[in-house]
Amino acid sequence: MLLITGFEPFTTGLGLRLDHNPTATLAKAIGRRVEGARGEVLPVSYAETKTALLDLFEAHQPTHWIGLGYAPHRETLDIETFAVNVEHATSPDNTGETPWMRPVVEGGAPAIQTRLDMKEAIATFARHGVVANPAFHAGTFLCNQSFYLGCHATEGHGPLTMAVFIHVPPMESFAAFEDGLVGLAHAILDA
């Protein structure tokens, strides 16, 4: 089973306030389009996101997870390589929290690499006319927190075997990217 998550709207570190987060729509769409997938939306809160994601892992027992994070100030579609065990923010989350150099998982590894075949994932998006790039650090906000929780869960005794995180930039249309996500979901589930 594949769990795919997006996020609710938020205010960026540069002060842009979002009324809509396209990753929420994309996650729900993939949940409808891919058999064996479920799309969910996460809150933008260090405390609430952690609880919500771990509850989804427990309730649905996914074998694979794809997290989507909207990055309105990026110009490229980035598939993250490493999740780091740090929660740190200079701008508050939606509940006003700004953690300072706090571990995501106390005693966890400093960083964990995704098990995704990056070359194949990039090729899958290319077949749908979408340019994707490997990125090496998901920041220290909620995108990284959820990515680290997913990667950390792959090292436990549960069913989760792969955690993926993709930062999504603004696009005129998300249709090709959505089709690429469908392709990636099928490739992951069929592997």
N, C-alpha and C. Protein backbone atom coordinates (compact mmCIF):
# COMPACT_ATOMS: atom_id res chain seq x y z
N MET A 1 0.84 -1.18 0.00
CA MET A 1 0.00 0.00 0.00
C MET A 1 0.88 1.25 0.00
N LEU A 2 0.50 2.22 -0.79
CA LEU A 2 1.23 3.48 -0.91
C LEU A 2 0.44 4.58 -0.22
N LEU A 3 1.07 5.29 0.69
CA LEU A 3 0.50 6.48 1.30
C LEU A 3 1.19 7.68 0.65
N ILE A 4 0.40 8.64 0.19
CA ILE A 4 0.96 9.87 -0.36
C ILE A 4 0.34 11.04 0.39
N THR A 5 1.20 11.96 0.85
CA THR A 5 0.71 13.08 1.64
C THR A 5 1.14 14.41 1.03
N GLY A 6 0.25 15.38 1.20
CA GLY A 6 0.57 16.77 0.93
C GLY A 6 0.36 17.54 2.22
N PHE A 7 0.43 18.86 2.13
CA PHE A 7 0.27 19.70 3.31
C PHE A 7 -0.85 20.71 3.12
N GLU A 8 -1.37 21.19 4.25
CA GLU A 8 -2.33 22.28 4.24
C GLU A 8 -1.60 23.58 3.89
N PRO A 9 -2.33 24.68 3.64
CA PRO A 9 -1.68 25.97 3.37
C PRO A 9 -0.85 26.44 4.56
N PHE A 10 0.10 27.33 4.27
CA PHE A 10 1.01 27.85 5.29
C PHE A 10 1.56 29.19 4.83
N THR A 11 2.32 29.84 5.69
CA THR A 11 3.03 31.06 5.33
C THR A 11 4.50 30.70 5.19
N THR A 12 5.10 31.05 4.05
CA THR A 12 6.49 30.68 3.80
C THR A 12 7.44 31.49 4.67
N GLY A 13 8.69 31.04 4.71
CA GLY A 13 9.71 31.76 5.46
C GLY A 13 9.97 33.15 4.92
N LEU A 14 9.57 33.40 3.67
CA LEU A 14 9.74 34.72 3.07
C LEU A 14 8.46 35.55 3.18
N GLY A 15 7.47 35.05 3.93
CA GLY A 15 6.28 35.83 4.21
C GLY A 15 5.12 35.67 3.23
N LEU A 16 5.23 34.78 2.26
CA LEU A 16 4.13 34.55 1.32
C LEU A 16 3.09 33.68 2.00
N ARG A 17 1.85 34.18 2.11
CA ARG A 17 0.78 33.42 2.75
C ARG A 17 -0.02 32.69 1.68
N LEU A 18 -0.08 31.36 1.81
CA LEU A 18 -0.80 30.54 0.84
C LEU A 18 -2.23 30.30 1.28
N ASP A 19 -3.17 30.49 0.37
CA ASP A 19 -4.57 30.16 0.64
C ASP A 19 -4.88 28.73 0.21
N HIS A 20 -4.03 28.19 -0.66
CA HIS A 20 -4.21 26.83 -1.17
C HIS A 20 -2.84 26.20 -1.30
N ASN A 21 -2.73 24.94 -0.95
CA ASN A 21 -1.48 24.21 -1.12
C ASN A 21 -1.74 23.12 -2.16
N PRO A 22 -1.13 23.24 -3.35
CA PRO A 22 -1.40 22.27 -4.41
C PRO A 22 -1.01 20.83 -4.06
N THR A 23 -0.11 20.65 -3.09
CA THR A 23 0.27 19.27 -2.74
C THR A 23 -0.89 18.51 -2.11
N ALA A 24 -1.80 19.22 -1.45
CA ALA A 24 -2.98 18.56 -0.87
C ALA A 24 -3.85 18.00 -1.99
N THR A 25 -4.08 18.80 -3.02
CA THR A 25 -4.88 18.37 -4.17
C THR A 25 -4.20 17.21 -4.89
N LEU A 26 -2.88 17.30 -5.08
CA LEU A 26 -2.14 16.25 -5.78
C LEU A 26 -2.19 14.93 -5.01
N ALA A 27 -1.99 14.98 -3.71
CA ALA A 27 -2.01 13.75 -2.90
C ALA A 27 -3.37 13.07 -2.99
N LYS A 28 -4.43 13.84 -2.87
CA LYS A 28 -5.78 13.27 -2.97
C LYS A 28 -6.02 12.69 -4.36
N ALA A 29 -5.54 13.37 -5.40
CA ALA A 29 -5.72 12.89 -6.78
C ALA A 29 -5.02 11.55 -6.99
N ILE A 30 -3.80 11.42 -6.49
CA ILE A 30 -3.07 10.15 -6.65
C ILE A 30 -3.78 9.05 -5.88
N GLY A 31 -4.30 9.38 -4.71
CA GLY A 31 -5.07 8.41 -3.93
C GLY A 31 -6.28 7.88 -4.70
N ARG A 32 -6.88 8.74 -5.52
CA ARG A 32 -8.03 8.31 -6.33
C ARG A 32 -7.60 7.57 -7.60
N ARG A 33 -6.47 7.95 -8.18
CA ARG A 33 -6.07 7.41 -9.49
C ARG A 33 -5.29 6.10 -9.41
N VAL A 34 -4.64 5.84 -8.30
CA VAL A 34 -3.77 4.67 -8.21
C VAL A 34 -4.37 3.65 -7.25
N GLU A 35 -4.65 2.46 -7.79
CA GLU A 35 -5.15 1.39 -6.93
C GLU A 35 -4.08 1.02 -5.91
N GLY A 36 -4.49 0.93 -4.66
CA GLY A 36 -3.53 0.60 -3.60
C GLY A 36 -2.85 1.83 -3.02
N ALA A 37 -3.33 3.03 -3.39
CA ALA A 37 -2.76 4.26 -2.85
C ALA A 37 -3.82 5.01 -2.05
N ARG A 38 -3.35 5.77 -1.08
CA ARG A 38 -4.25 6.59 -0.27
C ARG A 38 -3.62 7.97 -0.14
N GLY A 39 -4.37 9.02 -0.44
CA GLY A 39 -3.89 10.39 -0.33
C GLY A 39 -4.42 11.06 0.92
N GLU A 40 -3.55 11.74 1.63
CA GLU A 40 -3.91 12.43 2.87
C GLU A 40 -3.24 13.80 2.91
N VAL A 41 -3.76 14.68 3.77
CA VAL A 41 -3.22 16.02 3.94
C VAL A 41 -2.74 16.19 5.37
N LEU A 42 -1.50 16.65 5.52
CA LEU A 42 -0.90 16.85 6.83
C LEU A 42 -1.03 18.30 7.28
N PRO A 43 -1.13 18.54 8.59
CA PRO A 43 -1.10 19.91 9.10
C PRO A 43 0.32 20.47 8.99
N VAL A 44 0.45 21.78 9.14
CA VAL A 44 1.75 22.43 9.14
C VAL A 44 2.04 22.86 10.57
N SER A 45 2.46 21.88 11.37
CA SER A 45 2.71 22.08 12.79
C SER A 45 3.68 21.00 13.25
N TYR A 46 4.79 21.41 13.85
CA TYR A 46 5.76 20.40 14.29
C TYR A 46 5.12 19.32 15.15
N ALA A 47 4.30 19.70 16.09
CA ALA A 47 3.67 18.72 16.98
C ALA A 47 2.59 17.93 16.26
N GLU A 48 1.72 18.62 15.54
CA GLU A 48 0.59 17.95 14.91
C GLU A 48 0.99 17.11 13.69
N THR A 49 1.96 17.57 12.92
CA THR A 49 2.39 16.82 11.74
C THR A 49 2.98 15.47 12.15
N LYS A 50 3.83 15.52 13.14
CA LYS A 50 4.48 14.29 13.62
C LYS A 50 3.43 13.27 14.05
N THR A 51 2.49 13.71 14.87
CA THR A 51 1.43 12.82 15.35
C THR A 51 0.57 12.32 14.20
N ALA A 52 0.18 13.22 13.30
CA ALA A 52 -0.69 12.84 12.18
C ALA A 52 -0.01 11.82 11.27
N LEU A 53 1.25 12.04 10.93
CA LEU A 53 1.94 11.12 10.02
C LEU A 53 2.15 9.76 10.68
N LEU A 54 2.59 9.75 11.92
CA LEU A 54 2.79 8.46 12.60
C LEU A 54 1.46 7.72 12.78
N ASP A 55 0.38 8.46 13.03
CA ASP A 55 -0.95 7.83 13.11
C ASP A 55 -1.36 7.23 11.77
N LEU A 56 -1.05 7.91 10.65
CA LEU A 56 -1.36 7.37 9.32
C LEU A 56 -0.54 6.11 9.05
N PHE A 57 0.73 6.12 9.43
CA PHE A 57 1.55 4.91 9.28
C PHE A 57 0.94 3.75 10.06
N GLU A 58 0.50 4.02 11.27
CA GLU A 58 -0.06 2.97 12.12
C GLU A 58 -1.42 2.49 11.59
N ALA A 59 -2.26 3.41 11.18
CA ALA A 59 -3.61 3.05 10.74
C ALA A 59 -3.63 2.31 9.41
N HIS A 60 -2.77 2.71 8.48
CA HIS A 60 -2.84 2.16 7.12
C HIS A 60 -1.73 1.18 6.78
N GLN A 61 -0.71 1.12 7.61
CA GLN A 61 0.40 0.17 7.42
C GLN A 61 0.94 0.20 5.98
N PRO A 62 1.30 1.39 5.47
CA PRO A 62 1.82 1.44 4.11
C PRO A 62 3.18 0.78 3.99
N THR A 63 3.45 0.26 2.81
CA THR A 63 4.78 -0.26 2.51
C THR A 63 5.66 0.82 1.89
N HIS A 64 5.00 1.85 1.33
CA HIS A 64 5.70 2.95 0.68
C HIS A 64 5.00 4.26 1.03
N TRP A 65 5.80 5.33 1.14
CA TRP A 65 5.25 6.66 1.41
C TRP A 65 5.92 7.68 0.52
N ILE A 66 5.11 8.53 -0.08
CA ILE A 66 5.61 9.68 -0.83
C ILE A 66 5.06 10.93 -0.17
N GLY A 67 5.94 11.80 0.25
CA GLY A 67 5.54 13.09 0.79
C GLY A 67 5.76 14.17 -0.24
N LEU A 68 4.81 15.08 -0.35
CA LEU A 68 4.91 16.21 -1.26
C LEU A 68 4.93 17.49 -0.46
N GLY A 69 5.83 18.39 -0.78
CA GLY A 69 5.90 19.68 -0.13
C GLY A 69 5.94 20.78 -1.16
N TYR A 70 5.07 21.76 -1.02
CA TYR A 70 5.04 22.88 -1.96
C TYR A 70 6.15 23.86 -1.61
N ALA A 71 6.93 24.23 -2.63
CA ALA A 71 8.07 25.13 -2.45
C ALA A 71 7.91 26.31 -3.40
N PRO A 72 7.11 27.32 -3.01
CA PRO A 72 6.78 28.40 -3.94
C PRO A 72 7.96 29.27 -4.35
N HIS A 73 9.09 29.15 -3.67
CA HIS A 73 10.25 29.95 -4.02
C HIS A 73 11.30 29.14 -4.80
N ARG A 74 11.02 27.86 -5.05
CA ARG A 74 11.94 27.04 -5.85
C ARG A 74 11.55 27.12 -7.31
N GLU A 75 12.52 26.85 -8.17
CA GLU A 75 12.27 26.85 -9.61
C GLU A 75 12.38 25.45 -10.21
N THR A 76 12.77 24.47 -9.40
CA THR A 76 12.94 23.11 -9.91
C THR A 76 12.15 22.12 -9.06
N LEU A 77 11.78 21.01 -9.70
CA LEU A 77 11.13 19.90 -9.01
C LEU A 77 12.26 19.06 -8.41
N ASP A 78 12.29 18.96 -7.09
CA ASP A 78 13.41 18.33 -6.40
C ASP A 78 12.98 17.09 -5.64
N ILE A 79 13.63 15.97 -5.94
CA ILE A 79 13.43 14.74 -5.20
C ILE A 79 14.54 14.68 -4.15
N GLU A 80 14.14 14.67 -2.89
CA GLU A 80 15.12 14.77 -1.81
C GLU A 80 15.87 13.44 -1.61
N THR A 81 17.15 13.57 -1.32
CA THR A 81 18.03 12.42 -1.13
C THR A 81 18.20 12.06 0.35
N PHE A 82 18.42 13.07 1.19
CA PHE A 82 18.68 12.85 2.61
C PHE A 82 17.68 13.58 3.49
N ALA A 83 17.25 12.92 4.53
CA ALA A 83 16.48 13.56 5.60
C ALA A 83 17.42 13.74 6.77
N VAL A 84 17.38 14.91 7.40
CA VAL A 84 18.26 15.17 8.53
C VAL A 84 17.47 15.21 9.83
N ASN A 85 18.11 14.81 10.89
CA ASN A 85 17.46 14.69 12.20
C ASN A 85 17.50 16.03 12.94
N VAL A 86 16.93 17.06 12.31
CA VAL A 86 16.91 18.39 12.90
C VAL A 86 15.59 19.08 12.59
N GLU A 87 14.99 19.63 13.62
CA GLU A 87 13.85 20.53 13.48
C GLU A 87 14.34 21.91 13.89
N HIS A 88 14.25 22.86 12.97
CA HIS A 88 14.75 24.20 13.25
C HIS A 88 14.01 25.18 12.36
N ALA A 89 13.54 26.27 12.95
CA ALA A 89 12.82 27.25 12.15
C ALA A 89 13.06 28.66 12.67
N THR A 90 13.17 29.59 11.74
CA THR A 90 13.23 31.00 12.11
C THR A 90 11.86 31.64 11.90
N SER A 91 11.02 30.99 11.09
CA SER A 91 9.63 31.43 10.91
C SER A 91 8.72 30.39 11.54
N PRO A 92 7.62 30.80 12.15
CA PRO A 92 6.77 29.84 12.87
C PRO A 92 5.96 28.93 11.94
N ASP A 93 5.61 27.77 12.48
CA ASP A 93 4.65 26.91 11.79
C ASP A 93 3.25 27.50 11.98
N ASN A 94 2.22 26.80 11.54
CA ASN A 94 0.86 27.35 11.62
C ASN A 94 0.34 27.52 13.04
N THR A 95 1.03 26.92 14.02
CA THR A 95 0.61 27.08 15.42
C THR A 95 1.53 28.04 16.18
N GLY A 96 2.51 28.61 15.48
CA GLY A 96 3.41 29.58 16.10
C GLY A 96 4.70 29.01 16.66
N GLU A 97 4.93 27.73 16.50
CA GLU A 97 6.13 27.10 17.07
C GLU A 97 7.35 27.33 16.18
N THR A 98 8.48 27.64 16.82
CA THR A 98 9.76 27.80 16.12
C THR A 98 10.84 27.03 16.88
N PRO A 99 10.96 25.73 16.62
CA PRO A 99 11.97 24.95 17.35
C PRO A 99 13.39 25.38 17.00
N TRP A 100 14.28 25.17 17.94
CA TRP A 100 15.68 25.54 17.76
C TRP A 100 16.56 24.30 17.86
N MET A 101 17.10 23.84 16.73
CA MET A 101 18.09 22.75 16.68
C MET A 101 17.66 21.53 17.49
N ARG A 102 16.41 21.12 17.32
CA ARG A 102 15.84 20.01 18.06
C ARG A 102 15.85 18.77 17.18
N PRO A 103 16.16 17.59 17.72
CA PRO A 103 16.10 16.38 16.91
C PRO A 103 14.66 16.01 16.57
N VAL A 104 14.46 15.48 15.37
CA VAL A 104 13.15 14.95 14.98
C VAL A 104 12.87 13.71 15.80
N VAL A 105 13.87 12.83 15.90
CA VAL A 105 13.78 11.60 16.69
C VAL A 105 14.98 11.58 17.63
N GLU A 106 14.71 11.67 18.91
CA GLU A 106 15.79 11.66 19.91
C GLU A 106 16.62 10.39 19.74
N GLY A 107 17.93 10.55 19.59
CA GLY A 107 18.82 9.41 19.44
C GLY A 107 18.86 8.82 18.05
N GLY A 108 18.12 9.40 17.10
CA GLY A 108 18.11 8.90 15.72
C GLY A 108 19.39 9.25 14.99
N ALA A 109 19.62 8.59 13.88
CA ALA A 109 20.79 8.87 13.05
C ALA A 109 20.77 10.33 12.60
N PRO A 110 21.94 10.95 12.42
CA PRO A 110 21.98 12.34 11.98
C PRO A 110 21.29 12.58 10.63
N ALA A 111 21.41 11.60 9.73
CA ALA A 111 20.77 11.70 8.42
C ALA A 111 20.45 10.30 7.92
N ILE A 112 19.41 10.20 7.10
CA ILE A 112 19.02 8.92 6.51
C ILE A 112 18.75 9.16 5.03
N GLN A 113 19.28 8.29 4.19
CA GLN A 113 19.10 8.41 2.74
C GLN A 113 17.87 7.63 2.29
N THR A 114 17.12 8.21 1.35
CA THR A 114 15.98 7.52 0.77
C THR A 114 16.44 6.25 0.07
N ARG A 115 15.57 5.27 -0.01
CA ARG A 115 15.87 4.03 -0.73
C ARG A 115 15.37 4.08 -2.17
N LEU A 116 14.84 5.21 -2.58
CA LEU A 116 14.34 5.38 -3.94
C LEU A 116 15.47 5.28 -4.95
N ASP A 117 15.21 4.61 -6.07
CA ASP A 117 16.15 4.60 -7.19
C ASP A 117 16.00 5.95 -7.89
N MET A 118 16.88 6.88 -7.58
CA MET A 118 16.76 8.25 -8.05
C MET A 118 16.79 8.35 -9.57
N LYS A 119 17.69 7.61 -10.21
CA LYS A 119 17.78 7.67 -11.68
C LYS A 119 16.48 7.21 -12.31
N GLU A 120 15.91 6.15 -11.80
CA GLU A 120 14.65 5.63 -12.37
C GLU A 120 13.50 6.59 -12.11
N ALA A 121 13.48 7.20 -10.94
CA ALA A 121 12.41 8.17 -10.63
C ALA A 121 12.49 9.38 -11.56
N ILE A 122 13.69 9.88 -11.79
CA ILE A 122 13.88 11.01 -12.69
C ILE A 122 13.48 10.63 -14.11
N ALA A 123 13.83 9.40 -14.53
CA ALA A 123 13.44 8.91 -15.86
C ALA A 123 11.92 8.77 -15.97
N THR A 124 11.28 8.34 -14.91
CA THR A 124 9.82 8.21 -14.91
C THR A 124 9.16 9.56 -15.14
N PHE A 125 9.61 10.58 -14.44
CA PHE A 125 9.05 11.92 -14.65
C PHE A 125 9.36 12.42 -16.06
N ALA A 126 10.58 12.14 -16.56
CA ALA A 126 10.95 12.59 -17.90
C ALA A 126 10.02 12.00 -18.96
N ARG A 127 9.59 10.75 -18.76
CA ARG A 127 8.66 10.13 -19.72
C ARG A 127 7.33 10.87 -19.78
N HIS A 128 7.05 11.68 -18.77
CA HIS A 128 5.82 12.48 -18.74
C HIS A 128 6.09 13.96 -19.02
N GLY A 129 7.31 14.24 -19.51
CA GLY A 129 7.66 15.60 -19.86
C GLY A 129 7.98 16.51 -18.69
N VAL A 130 8.34 15.91 -17.57
CA VAL A 130 8.63 16.68 -16.36
C VAL A 130 10.11 16.51 -15.99
N VAL A 131 10.79 17.62 -15.79
CA VAL A 131 12.19 17.58 -15.38
C VAL A 131 12.24 17.55 -13.85
N ALA A 132 12.86 16.51 -13.32
CA ALA A 132 13.06 16.37 -11.87
C ALA A 132 14.55 16.29 -11.60
N ASN A 133 14.94 16.77 -10.44
CA ASN A 133 16.35 16.80 -10.06
C ASN A 133 16.55 16.18 -8.69
N PRO A 134 17.71 15.55 -8.47
CA PRO A 134 18.00 15.12 -7.10
C PRO A 134 18.37 16.35 -6.27
N ALA A 135 17.89 16.39 -5.05
CA ALA A 135 18.27 17.45 -4.11
C ALA A 135 18.81 16.74 -2.87
N PHE A 136 19.60 17.42 -2.11
CA PHE A 136 20.35 16.71 -1.08
C PHE A 136 19.99 17.08 0.35
N HIS A 137 19.03 17.99 0.52
CA HIS A 137 18.70 18.41 1.87
C HIS A 137 17.32 19.03 1.84
N ALA A 138 16.40 18.48 2.61
CA ALA A 138 15.01 18.95 2.60
C ALA A 138 14.76 20.10 3.55
N GLY A 139 15.81 20.77 4.01
CA GLY A 139 15.64 21.87 4.95
C GLY A 139 15.46 21.36 6.37
N THR A 140 14.87 22.17 7.22
CA THR A 140 14.64 21.75 8.61
C THR A 140 13.21 22.08 9.06
N PHE A 141 12.33 22.37 8.09
CA PHE A 141 10.94 22.68 8.41
C PHE A 141 10.13 21.39 8.35
N LEU A 142 8.84 21.46 8.14
CA LEU A 142 7.97 20.29 8.21
C LEU A 142 8.21 19.28 7.09
N CYS A 143 8.68 19.73 5.94
CA CYS A 143 8.99 18.79 4.86
C CYS A 143 10.06 17.81 5.34
N ASN A 144 11.13 18.36 5.90
CA ASN A 144 12.19 17.50 6.41
C ASN A 144 11.73 16.66 7.59
N GLN A 145 10.94 17.26 8.49
CA GLN A 145 10.47 16.49 9.64
C GLN A 145 9.72 15.24 9.18
N SER A 146 8.78 15.41 8.24
CA SER A 146 8.01 14.26 7.77
C SER A 146 8.90 13.28 7.01
N PHE A 147 9.83 13.80 6.20
CA PHE A 147 10.74 12.93 5.45
C PHE A 147 11.60 12.11 6.41
N TYR A 148 12.11 12.76 7.47
CA TYR A 148 12.92 12.01 8.43
C TYR A 148 12.08 10.95 9.13
N LEU A 149 10.87 11.30 9.53
CA LEU A 149 10.01 10.31 10.19
C LEU A 149 9.76 9.12 9.27
N GLY A 150 9.52 9.38 7.99
CA GLY A 150 9.32 8.29 7.03
C GLY A 150 10.56 7.44 6.87
N CYS A 151 11.71 8.09 6.67
CA CYS A 151 12.96 7.33 6.51
C CYS A 151 13.28 6.54 7.78
N HIS A 152 13.06 7.14 8.93
CA HIS A 152 13.32 6.46 10.20
C HIS A 152 12.41 5.23 10.33
N ALA A 153 11.16 5.37 9.90
CA ALA A 153 10.22 4.23 9.98
C ALA A 153 10.65 3.08 9.08
N THR A 154 11.37 3.37 7.98
CA THR A 154 11.82 2.28 7.10
C THR A 154 12.89 1.44 7.77
N GLU A 155 13.50 1.96 8.82
CA GLU A 155 14.57 1.23 9.51
C GLU A 155 14.05 0.44 10.71
N GLY A 156 12.75 0.50 10.94
CA GLY A 156 12.15 -0.21 12.07
C GLY A 156 11.64 -1.57 11.66
N HIS A 157 10.68 -2.06 12.42
CA HIS A 157 10.15 -3.40 12.20
C HIS A 157 8.78 -3.37 11.54
N GLY A 158 8.31 -2.19 11.11
CA GLY A 158 7.00 -2.09 10.47
C GLY A 158 7.08 -2.40 8.99
N PRO A 159 5.97 -2.26 8.30
CA PRO A 159 5.92 -2.62 6.89
C PRO A 159 6.53 -1.58 5.95
N LEU A 160 6.79 -0.34 6.43
CA LEU A 160 7.29 0.71 5.54
C LEU A 160 8.71 0.38 5.08
N THR A 161 8.88 0.28 3.76
CA THR A 161 10.19 -0.05 3.19
C THR A 161 10.80 1.09 2.41
N MET A 162 10.00 2.11 2.04
CA MET A 162 10.54 3.22 1.28
C MET A 162 9.83 4.52 1.64
N ALA A 163 10.64 5.56 1.84
CA ALA A 163 10.12 6.91 2.08
C ALA A 163 10.73 7.84 1.04
N VAL A 164 9.87 8.63 0.42
CA VAL A 164 10.28 9.54 -0.65
C VAL A 164 9.73 10.92 -0.33
N PHE A 165 10.50 11.97 -0.63
CA PHE A 165 9.96 13.31 -0.47
C PHE A 165 10.30 14.14 -1.70
N ILE A 166 9.29 14.84 -2.21
CA ILE A 166 9.44 15.66 -3.41
C ILE A 166 9.01 17.08 -3.11
N HIS A 167 9.89 18.03 -3.38
CA HIS A 167 9.56 19.45 -3.28
C HIS A 167 9.04 19.91 -4.63
N VAL A 168 7.84 20.48 -4.61
CA VAL A 168 7.12 20.86 -5.83
C VAL A 168 7.14 22.38 -5.98
N PRO A 169 7.69 22.89 -7.10
CA PRO A 169 7.69 24.34 -7.32
C PRO A 169 6.36 24.78 -7.94
N PRO A 170 6.14 26.08 -8.07
CA PRO A 170 4.96 26.54 -8.80
C PRO A 170 5.01 26.05 -10.25
N MET A 171 3.86 25.69 -10.78
CA MET A 171 3.75 25.26 -12.18
C MET A 171 2.49 25.87 -12.77
N GLU A 172 2.54 26.17 -14.07
CA GLU A 172 1.33 26.68 -14.73
C GLU A 172 0.22 25.65 -14.66
N SER A 173 0.59 24.39 -14.85
CA SER A 173 -0.34 23.27 -14.74
C SER A 173 0.38 22.13 -14.04
N PHE A 174 -0.30 21.47 -13.14
CA PHE A 174 0.28 20.33 -12.44
C PHE A 174 -0.09 19.00 -13.10
N ALA A 175 -0.75 19.04 -14.26
CA ALA A 175 -1.26 17.82 -14.90
C ALA A 175 -0.14 16.84 -15.26
N ALA A 176 0.93 17.32 -15.90
CA ALA A 176 2.02 16.42 -16.29
C ALA A 176 2.71 15.86 -15.06
N PHE A 177 2.90 16.71 -14.05
CA PHE A 177 3.51 16.23 -12.81
C PHE A 177 2.63 15.17 -12.15
N GLU A 178 1.32 15.41 -12.13
CA GLU A 178 0.41 14.41 -11.56
C GLU A 178 0.52 13.09 -12.31
N ASP A 179 0.58 13.15 -13.64
CA ASP A 179 0.75 11.92 -14.43
C ASP A 179 2.08 11.24 -14.10
N GLY A 180 3.14 12.05 -13.91
CA GLY A 180 4.43 11.49 -13.52
C GLY A 180 4.37 10.84 -12.15
N LEU A 181 3.63 11.45 -11.24
CA LEU A 181 3.44 10.84 -9.91
C LEU A 181 2.71 9.50 -10.01
N VAL A 182 1.71 9.44 -10.89
CA VAL A 182 1.01 8.17 -11.10
C VAL A 182 2.02 7.12 -11.58
N GLY A 183 2.85 7.51 -12.54
CA GLY A 183 3.88 6.59 -13.04
C GLY A 183 4.85 6.15 -11.96
N LEU A 184 5.27 7.10 -11.13
CA LEU A 184 6.19 6.77 -10.03
C LEU A 184 5.51 5.86 -9.03
N ALA A 185 4.25 6.14 -8.72
CA ALA A 185 3.52 5.29 -7.77
C ALA A 185 3.43 3.86 -8.28
N HIS A 186 3.11 3.69 -9.56
CA HIS A 186 3.04 2.34 -10.13
C HIS A 186 4.42 1.66 -10.11
N ALA A 187 5.47 2.41 -10.45
CA ALA A 187 6.80 1.83 -10.44
C ALA A 187 7.21 1.38 -9.05
N ILE A 188 6.89 2.19 -8.05
CA ILE A 188 7.23 1.84 -6.67
C ILE A 188 6.43 0.61 -6.20
N LEU A 189 5.15 0.63 -6.48
CA LEU A 189 4.30 -0.48 -6.03
C LEU A 189 4.61 -1.80 -6.75
N ASP A 190 5.05 -1.69 -8.01
CA ASP A 190 5.33 -2.90 -8.80
C ASP A 190 6.74 -3.43 -8.62
N ALA A 191 7.60 -2.67 -7.93
CA ALA A 191 9.01 -3.09 -7.78
C ALA A 191 9.13 -4.32 -6.90
